[in-house]
Protein backbone atom coordinates (compact mmCIF):
# COMPACT_ATOMS: atom_id res chain seq x y z
CA MET A 1 10.32 -72.43 -0.32
CA SER A 2 12.50 -72.81 -2.82
CA ASP A 3 16.07 -73.65 -2.88
CA ASP A 4 16.91 -70.10 -4.72
CA GLU A 5 14.60 -68.31 -1.87
CA ASN A 6 16.81 -70.04 0.65
CA GLU A 7 20.56 -69.23 -0.98
CA ARG A 8 19.38 -65.70 -1.03
CA ARG A 9 17.81 -65.31 2.21
CA ARG A 10 20.49 -63.56 4.59
CA ASP A 11 20.16 -63.22 8.56
CA LEU A 12 18.95 -59.81 8.89
CA ARG A 13 19.54 -57.54 12.47
CA MET A 14 15.90 -58.12 14.36
CA PRO A 15 15.15 -55.66 16.92
CA ASN A 16 16.20 -55.95 20.66
CA ASP A 17 14.20 -55.35 23.63
CA ASP A 18 13.14 -51.31 23.32
CA GLU A 19 13.51 -51.79 19.60
CA VAL A 20 10.48 -51.66 16.74
CA PHE A 21 9.87 -51.76 13.04
CA ALA A 22 8.87 -48.74 11.50
CA VAL A 23 8.32 -47.65 8.02
CA VAL A 24 8.98 -43.67 7.10
CA THR A 25 5.95 -41.69 6.38
CA ASN A 26 7.58 -38.35 6.02
CA MET A 27 10.60 -36.64 5.75
CA LEU A 28 10.76 -33.20 8.19
CA GLY A 29 13.88 -32.07 7.77
CA ALA A 30 16.72 -31.10 10.31
CA ASN A 31 17.77 -34.82 10.74
CA ARG A 32 14.24 -35.82 12.09
CA ILE A 33 11.75 -38.19 10.35
CA ARG A 34 8.28 -39.25 10.89
CA VAL A 35 7.37 -43.22 11.51
CA ARG A 36 4.74 -45.26 11.47
CA CYS A 37 6.05 -48.23 13.83
CA ALA A 38 5.01 -51.82 13.98
CA ASP A 39 3.16 -51.48 17.70
CA GLY A 40 0.80 -49.00 15.51
CA VAL A 41 1.84 -45.57 17.33
CA GLU A 42 3.65 -42.43 14.74
CA ARG A 43 6.58 -40.96 15.58
CA THR A 44 8.68 -38.12 14.95
CA ALA A 45 12.29 -40.03 14.70
CA ARG A 46 15.72 -38.62 15.30
CA ILE A 47 18.89 -39.96 12.38
CA PRO A 48 21.89 -39.93 15.14
CA GLY A 49 24.51 -38.05 13.84
CA ARG A 50 26.78 -41.55 13.32
CA MET A 51 24.19 -41.88 10.75
CA GLN A 52 23.50 -38.93 9.22
CA LYS A 53 26.05 -38.10 6.17
CA ARG A 54 26.74 -42.36 5.54
CA ILE A 55 23.29 -43.95 5.39
CA TRP A 56 20.25 -42.35 3.23
CA ILE A 57 17.06 -42.28 4.69
CA ARG A 58 13.85 -41.91 2.07
CA GLU A 59 10.27 -41.98 2.52
CA ASP A 60 9.13 -45.77 2.70
CA ASP A 61 12.59 -47.17 3.91
CA VAL A 62 11.94 -49.65 6.89
CA VAL A 63 14.04 -48.60 9.85
CA LEU A 64 14.64 -49.93 13.64
CA VAL A 65 13.75 -47.31 16.06
CA ASP A 66 14.21 -47.12 19.89
CA PRO A 67 11.30 -44.99 21.35
CA TRP A 68 12.49 -42.82 24.11
CA ASP A 69 11.47 -43.88 27.62
CA TRP A 70 10.11 -40.59 28.59
CA GLN A 71 8.50 -39.38 25.63
CA ASP A 72 6.95 -42.22 23.54
CA GLU A 73 5.91 -40.03 20.37
CA LYS A 74 9.55 -39.62 19.61
CA ALA A 75 12.37 -42.57 18.89
CA ASP A 76 15.66 -42.70 17.65
CA VAL A 77 16.35 -44.31 14.30
CA THR A 78 18.92 -47.62 15.05
CA TRP A 79 19.03 -49.27 11.64
CA ARG A 80 18.06 -49.09 8.29
CA TYR A 81 17.30 -52.47 5.87
CA GLU A 82 18.39 -52.02 1.93
CA LYS A 83 15.02 -52.52 -0.34
CA SER A 84 15.95 -56.63 -0.52
CA GLU A 85 16.28 -56.81 2.96
CA ALA A 86 13.10 -54.72 3.73
CA ASP A 87 11.26 -57.32 1.05
CA GLN A 88 12.44 -60.45 3.04
CA LEU A 89 11.08 -59.21 6.48
CA ARG A 90 7.73 -58.84 4.05
CA ARG A 91 7.53 -62.19 2.88
CA GLU A 92 8.69 -63.70 6.24
CA GLY A 93 6.09 -61.90 7.99
CA HIS A 94 7.81 -59.44 10.22
CA ILE A 95 6.20 -56.57 8.79
CA GLN A 96 3.50 -55.16 6.86
């Protein structure tokens, strides 16, 4: 790794025990999105009210989701990464 890459490297929020990385594949409307999770499962994810007007989520964004315990095909979005942060996650091998 070159020096300028190390300088640009930031400590990013990583998933906690229940969370998984996901890539937004489809916008469904009504604050719901379709995501492809790192564990190989396609889920319908809900954007919580605290994020709706503050953070804009688009297709191909990398997000963290928290799958529901009682319905594995659904999840809640907990975090969205900026494009530069997503690129860093890909470089470091955390996501495809």
